Protein backbone atom coordinates (compact mmCIF):
# COMPACT_ATOMS: atom_id res chain seq x y z
CA MET A 1 0.00 0.00 0.00
CA ASP A 2 1.55 3.29 -1.15
CA LEU A 3 2.31 5.64 1.73
CA ASP A 4 1.86 8.77 -0.39
CA THR A 5 -1.67 7.60 -1.18
CA ILE A 6 -2.37 6.94 2.51
CA ARG A 7 -0.95 10.34 3.41
CA THR A 8 -3.19 11.96 0.77
CA PHE A 9 -6.26 10.18 2.14
CA VAL A 10 -5.53 11.37 5.69
CA ALA A 11 -4.89 14.93 4.51
CA ALA A 12 -8.18 14.97 2.54
CA ALA A 13 -10.11 13.51 5.47
CA GLU A 14 -8.74 16.16 7.85
CA ALA A 15 -9.17 19.08 5.42
CA GLY A 16 -12.62 18.05 4.17
CA ARG A 17 -11.75 19.39 0.72
CA PHE A 18 -9.51 17.90 -1.96
CA GLN A 19 -8.33 21.38 -2.94
CA GLU A 20 -7.11 22.19 0.58
CA ALA A 21 -5.46 18.76 0.86
CA ALA A 22 -3.71 19.40 -2.47
CA ALA A 23 -2.36 22.76 -1.22
CA GLY A 24 -1.07 21.19 1.99
CA LEU A 25 0.66 18.39 0.10
CA ALA A 26 2.02 20.73 -2.61
CA VAL A 27 0.36 18.70 -5.40
CA THR A 28 -2.50 19.39 -7.79
CA GLN A 29 -6.12 18.72 -6.93
CA GLN A 30 -6.17 16.28 -9.86
CA ALA A 31 -3.33 14.31 -8.24
CA VAL A 32 -5.30 14.08 -5.00
CA SER A 33 -8.36 12.82 -6.84
CA LYS A 34 -6.31 10.19 -8.70
CA ARG A 35 -4.68 8.94 -5.50
CA ILE A 36 -8.01 8.67 -3.69
CA ALA A 37 -9.57 6.86 -6.66
CA SER A 38 -6.63 4.44 -6.76
CA LEU A 39 -6.97 3.72 -3.04
CA GLU A 40 -10.70 3.13 -3.38
CA ARG A 41 -10.06 0.64 -6.20
CA ASP A 42 -7.48 -1.20 -4.09
CA LEU A 43 -9.82 -1.39 -1.09
CA GLY A 44 -12.99 -2.03 -3.10
CA VAL A 45 -14.98 0.59 -1.19
CA ARG A 46 -15.92 4.27 -1.45
CA LEU A 47 -14.04 6.41 1.02
CA PHE A 48 -15.52 9.86 0.28
CA THR A 49 -18.84 11.32 -0.76
CA ARG A 50 -18.71 14.58 -2.70
CA THR A 51 -21.01 17.29 -1.25
CA PRO A 52 -21.48 21.01 -1.93
CA ARG A 53 -19.32 21.63 1.14
CA GLY A 54 -16.47 19.42 -0.07
CA ALA A 55 -15.71 15.76 0.59
CA GLU A 56 -17.14 13.80 3.50
CA LEU A 57 -15.98 10.41 4.69
CA THR A 58 -18.26 7.47 4.09
CA ILE A 59 -18.77 4.88 6.83
CA ASP A 60 -15.96 2.86 5.25
CA GLY A 61 -13.78 5.96 5.12
CA GLN A 62 -14.42 6.61 8.81
CA ALA A 63 -13.49 3.00 9.62
CA PHE A 64 -10.29 3.22 7.57
CA LEU A 65 -9.07 6.60 8.89
CA PRO A 66 -7.60 5.54 12.28
CA HIS A 67 -5.77 2.65 10.62
CA ALA A 68 -4.39 4.99 7.94
CA ARG A 69 -3.09 7.33 10.64
CA GLU A 70 -1.46 4.39 12.42
CA LEU A 71 0.21 3.29 9.16
CA LEU A 72 1.79 6.74 8.86
CA ARG A 73 2.93 6.68 12.49
CA VAL A 74 4.50 3.24 12.04
CA ALA A 75 6.28 4.42 8.90
CA GLU A 76 7.66 7.44 10.74
CA ARG A 77 8.90 5.28 13.60
CA ALA A 78 10.55 2.93 11.12
CA VAL A 79 12.38 5.81 9.44
CA ALA A 80 13.36 7.36 12.77
CA SER A 81 14.84 4.07 13.98
CA VAL A 82 17.57 4.23 11.35
CA ARG A 83 18.18 7.95 11.16
CA PRO A 84 21.80 8.78 12.02
CA GLY A 85 22.04 9.32 15.73
CA ARG A 86 18.63 7.85 16.53
CA ARG A 87 19.84 4.26 16.97
CA PRO A 88 22.62 3.02 19.24
CA LEU A 89 26.18 2.97 17.93
CA ARG A 90 27.06 -0.72 17.49
CA VAL A 91 30.71 -1.58 18.15
CA ASP A 92 32.54 -4.92 18.06
CA VAL A 93 35.03 -5.24 20.94
CA ILE A 94 36.05 -8.92 20.32
CA ALA A 95 35.77 -9.97 24.00
CA SER A 96 34.54 -8.51 27.27
CA ARG A 97 37.80 -8.41 29.25
CA VAL A 98 40.23 -7.08 26.67
CA ALA A 99 41.48 -3.56 25.98
CA PRO A 100 38.82 -2.56 23.36
CA SER A 101 36.10 -3.19 25.92
CA GLY A 102 37.90 -0.86 28.31
CA MET A 103 38.25 1.80 25.62
CA MET A 104 34.50 1.67 25.01
CA ARG A 105 33.81 2.03 28.74
CA ASP A 106 36.03 5.12 28.76
CA PHE A 107 34.12 6.50 25.77
CA HIS A 108 30.79 5.85 27.50
CA ARG A 109 31.97 7.72 30.60
CA ALA A 110 33.03 10.66 28.43
CA HIS A 111 29.79 10.56 26.37
CA PRO A 112 27.10 9.24 28.73
CA GLY A 113 24.30 10.42 26.43
CA THR A 114 25.43 8.21 23.54
CA GLU A 115 23.55 4.93 23.28
CA LEU A 116 25.80 1.94 22.62
CA ASP A 117 25.36 -1.65 21.51
CA VAL A 118 28.51 -3.66 22.26
CA VAL A 119 28.91 -6.94 20.37
CA MET A 120 31.67 -9.54 20.20
CA LEU A 121 32.60 -10.91 16.81
CA PHE A 122 35.30 -13.54 16.48
CA ASP A 123 37.47 -13.03 13.41
CA ILE A 124 38.36 -10.14 11.16
CA GLU A 125 36.51 -11.54 8.13
CA THR A 126 33.27 -11.59 10.10
CA ALA A 127 33.93 -8.09 11.42
CA VAL A 128 34.69 -6.64 7.98
CA ALA A 129 31.57 -8.28 6.51
CA ALA A 130 29.51 -6.75 9.32
CA LEU A 131 31.03 -3.31 8.66
CA ARG A 132 30.27 -3.58 4.94
CA SER A 133 26.67 -4.66 5.53
CA GLY A 134 26.05 -2.07 8.24
CA ALA A 135 25.44 -4.72 10.92
CA VAL A 136 28.07 -2.96 13.06
CA ASP A 137 29.41 0.59 12.93
CA ALA A 138 32.95 -0.07 14.14
CA SER A 139 35.27 -2.90 15.13
CA PHE A 140 38.57 -3.12 17.01
CA ARG A 141 41.14 -5.22 15.13
CA ALA A 142 44.84 -5.58 14.41
CA VAL A 143 45.30 -4.31 10.87
CA GLY A 144 47.70 -5.40 8.19
CA VAL A 145 47.86 -9.21 8.36
CA PRO A 146 49.69 -10.39 5.20
CA GLY A 147 47.31 -11.52 2.49
CA ARG A 148 44.32 -9.79 4.07
CA PRO A 149 44.17 -6.21 2.85
CA LEU A 150 41.18 -4.24 4.03
CA PRO A 151 38.53 -3.46 1.39
CA GLU A 152 38.92 0.02 -0.07
CA GLU A 153 35.81 1.31 1.70
CA ILE A 154 36.98 0.23 5.18
CA GLU A 155 39.02 2.85 7.06
CA SER A 156 41.22 2.23 10.08
CA LEU A 157 42.80 4.23 12.91
CA ARG A 158 45.48 2.74 15.15
CA VAL A 159 44.32 3.62 18.65
CA LEU A 160 46.36 1.65 21.18
CA ASP A 161 49.67 -0.21 21.37
CA GLU A 162 49.05 -2.48 24.35
CA PRO A 163 52.16 -3.89 26.08
CA LEU A 164 52.16 -7.62 26.72
CA GLN A 165 52.95 -8.94 30.18
CA LEU A 166 54.08 -12.40 31.26
CA LEU A 167 51.67 -14.11 33.63
CA THR A 168 53.13 -16.86 35.83
CA GLY A 169 52.21 -18.90 38.86
CA PRO A 170 54.10 -18.45 42.15
CA ALA A 171 56.39 -21.45 41.53
CA HIS A 172 57.51 -20.44 38.03
CA ALA A 173 61.25 -19.81 37.57
CA LEU A 174 60.59 -16.18 36.59
CA ALA A 175 57.91 -15.46 39.20
CA GLY A 176 60.22 -13.26 41.28
CA ALA A 177 61.45 -11.09 38.39
CA ARG A 178 60.51 -7.39 38.33
CA SER A 179 60.71 -7.53 34.53
CA VAL A 180 61.81 -10.07 31.96
CA GLY A 181 63.52 -9.58 28.62
CA LEU A 182 62.16 -11.35 25.58
CA ALA A 183 65.44 -13.23 25.18
CA GLN A 184 64.99 -14.72 28.67
CA LEU A 185 61.76 -16.38 27.58
CA ALA A 186 63.47 -18.66 25.05
CA GLY A 187 63.10 -22.22 26.32
CA HIS A 188 60.14 -21.43 28.58
CA ARG A 189 56.71 -22.85 27.69
CA ILE A 190 54.14 -20.13 27.02
CA TRP A 191 50.66 -21.62 26.90
CA MET A 192 47.93 -19.73 25.01
CA PRO A 193 45.01 -22.01 24.13
CA GLY A 194 43.00 -19.03 22.87
CA ILE A 195 45.21 -18.64 19.78
CA VAL A 196 43.31 -19.74 16.69
CA PRO A 197 45.15 -20.23 13.37
CA GLY A 198 44.01 -17.76 10.75
CA THR A 199 43.07 -14.99 13.18
CA GLU A 200 44.93 -11.70 13.42
CA TRP A 201 46.14 -12.55 16.93
CA GLY A 202 47.28 -15.93 15.61
CA ALA A 203 49.41 -14.13 13.01
CA TYR A 204 50.74 -11.76 15.68
CA TYR A 205 51.94 -14.53 18.00
CA ASP A 206 53.33 -16.59 15.11
CA ASP A 207 55.58 -13.67 14.19
CA LEU A 208 56.51 -12.98 17.82
CA ALA A 209 57.55 -16.61 18.36
CA ALA A 210 59.49 -16.78 15.08
CA GLU A 211 61.41 -13.56 15.62
CA PHE A 212 62.48 -14.22 19.21
CA GLY A 213 62.68 -18.02 19.27
CA LEU A 214 59.80 -18.45 21.72
CA THR A 215 57.81 -21.59 22.38
CA ILE A 216 54.14 -20.61 22.28
CA GLU A 217 51.75 -23.54 22.65
CA ALA A 218 48.09 -23.40 21.69
CA THR A 219 47.35 -27.05 22.46
CA GLY A 220 44.27 -28.28 24.30
CA PRO A 221 40.73 -26.94 24.42
CA ASN A 222 40.13 -23.32 25.30
CA PHE A 223 37.94 -23.37 28.40
CA GLY A 224 38.26 -19.62 28.90
CA SER A 225 40.38 -17.33 31.02
CA ASP A 226 39.38 -18.82 34.39
CA ALA A 227 40.62 -22.28 33.39
CA LEU A 228 43.78 -20.74 31.91
CA LEU A 229 44.54 -18.92 35.17
CA ASP A 230 43.90 -22.05 37.23
CA THR A 231 46.33 -24.06 35.10
CA VAL A 232 49.08 -21.42 35.09
CA ALA A 233 48.77 -21.02 38.87
CA ASP A 234 49.16 -24.76 39.44
CA THR A 235 51.82 -25.53 36.80
CA PRO A 236 55.36 -24.21 37.46
CA ALA A 237 56.46 -24.98 33.89
CA LEU A 238 53.77 -22.87 32.20
CA ALA A 239 53.34 -19.12 31.69
CA THR A 240 51.12 -17.10 29.39
CA PHE A 241 51.01 -13.67 27.78
CA MET A 242 48.35 -11.17 28.78
CA GLY A 243 47.67 -7.64 27.61
CA GLU A 244 48.45 -4.91 30.12
CA HIS A 245 44.84 -3.67 29.90
CA THR A 246 43.18 -7.10 30.09
CA ARG A 247 40.98 -7.14 33.18
CA VAL A 248 40.93 -10.43 35.07
CA VAL A 249 40.38 -11.33 38.71
CA TRP A 250 41.78 -14.46 40.30
CA PRO A 251 41.57 -15.99 43.78
CA ALA A 252 44.14 -14.68 46.25
CA GLY A 253 45.49 -18.17 46.76
CA HIS A 254 46.59 -18.41 43.13
CA GLY A 255 49.55 -16.10 43.77
CA LEU A 256 49.76 -15.16 40.07
CA ARG A 257 52.36 -12.63 38.91
CA ARG A 258 52.04 -10.11 36.07
CA ILE A 259 55.57 -9.30 34.90
CA PRO A 260 56.46 -6.56 32.38
CA VAL A 261 58.28 -7.79 29.25
CA THR A 262 61.16 -5.68 27.96
CA ASP A 263 64.05 -5.46 25.49
CA PRO A 264 61.90 -4.96 23.44
CA THR A 265 58.38 -4.76 24.82
CA PRO A 266 55.96 -6.56 22.49
CA VAL A 267 52.85 -4.45 22.02
CA TYR A 268 49.57 -5.53 20.47
CA PRO A 269 48.33 -2.95 17.94
CA HIS A 270 44.62 -2.23 18.34
CA SER A 271 42.97 -0.32 15.48
CA LEU A 272 39.43 0.93 15.03
CA LEU A 273 37.79 -0.05 11.73
CA TRP A 274 34.71 1.55 10.15
CA HIS A 275 33.01 1.97 6.78
CA ARG A 276 33.93 5.29 5.19
CA ASP A 277 30.28 5.98 4.22
CA ASN A 278 28.84 5.33 7.68
CA PRO A 279 27.02 8.56 8.70
CA HIS A 280 26.35 7.79 12.38
CA PRO A 281 27.35 10.97 14.28
CA ALA A 282 28.45 8.98 17.33
CA LEU A 283 31.01 7.20 15.14
CA ALA A 284 32.75 10.52 14.49
CA ALA A 285 32.65 11.23 18.23
CA LEU A 286 34.21 7.82 18.97
CA ARG A 287 37.01 8.38 16.46
CA ALA A 288 37.72 11.83 17.88
CA HIS A 289 37.75 10.46 21.45
CA LEU A 290 40.17 7.67 20.57
CA ALA A 291 42.40 9.98 18.54
CA ALA A 292 42.61 12.40 21.48
CA THR A 293 43.32 9.77 24.12
CA ARG A 294 45.54 7.28 22.31
CA PRO A 295 49.14 7.05 23.52
CA GLY A 296 52.12 7.20 21.20
CA ARG A 297 52.59 4.43 18.66
CA ASP A 298 55.79 2.67 17.64
CA ALA A 299 57.51 3.96 20.78
CA PRO A 300 61.24 3.22 21.15
CA GLY A 301 61.89 -0.15 22.74
CA THR A 302 58.67 -1.74 21.52
CA TRP A 303 57.98 -4.43 18.92
CA VAL A 304 55.12 -5.07 16.51
CA PRO A 305 55.09 -7.33 13.45
CA GLY A 306 56.27 -5.73 10.22
CA TRP A 307 52.80 -6.04 8.67
CA VAL A 308 51.11 -3.68 11.13
CA VAL A 309 49.77 -0.56 9.44
CA PRO A 310 51.45 2.50 11.05
CA ARG A 311 48.46 4.84 11.03
C-alpha cells in the first residue's frame, strides 16, 4: 500500500476538501483525486462522498481513517529508527575483558548520552563483513595481516599499542622477576590455548615466536580465562602472555604474577575499523575520542610485526 496515497487520504479527510489537501501536500487537486480513486479501487470501497461543502468520509472511510493514521505513524517510527544518531552505535570489541572493551567504557563515561550496543565478533573476516553490511558501525582489530588487505571502503585508525605482560604462577622460575627480557623467555613454555590459526592474533603470536625463538603452545581446548589462570597457577612450567589492559580477577590463593616484558616490549596494535560511508554521528565522536586519548605508537623499545599498518 503506497504511503503517499495513505498520506493523501488522511490529509483529505482532515481538510474536508480535496483542494485544501492538495495545497497542503504541494500537489494538484487532480493528483489528490487520482490517488483517492486508486486507493478506493485497491480497497474495493468508497471512502468519500462529494457534497457542496467538499468531501465527507463514508462509513468505510471513517473505519479506515484511524488505521491509515497508524500506518503513517509506524512508517515514521521505522524511518526514525535508522536515522543517524537515533539508533545506538554498534561496536565490536572482540571480548569482554580485553582492551577494546575498556576503551568503550572510557568513551561511554566521556559521552554518557550516547547509546551503545557492544557486540563480540570472532574473526576479522566476520567483522569486515559486518562493517560492509552495516550490521556494526565499528570494530577493534589488528590491521595489516599479510594476504588480508582491508577493502577500499573500510578505514582504520590505530588507537592503542598495548604492552604484553608475562603471567606466571608463584612457583615459576621467573615469578620473582621485576621484569623479563624477551630473550629470557626462550626455552620457557608459554601456553595460550586461545590462539586460533588464521586470526589476526594468531598471526601476531606466530611472528613474535618466530622472531624471538619463543615456544608458544596453543594445544588443548580453550575453556576460557578462568581455566587458563587455574592451570598457570598450578603448573610451574607454564606461563602465558596477557595484555596490560586485560581485566581479570583471580583468587588470592593463586599467587599469580604479572611481569612486564622488555628489550623490546611486544605491544599488540589495536585499530578501530569503520566503513567510510557510515554517517552515524556517534562514530565521528568515537574516532575523535580515541584519537585524542591514544598514547604514542611505535615507541622506542617496543615491537610489533612488520605487517602492522602504522596509522
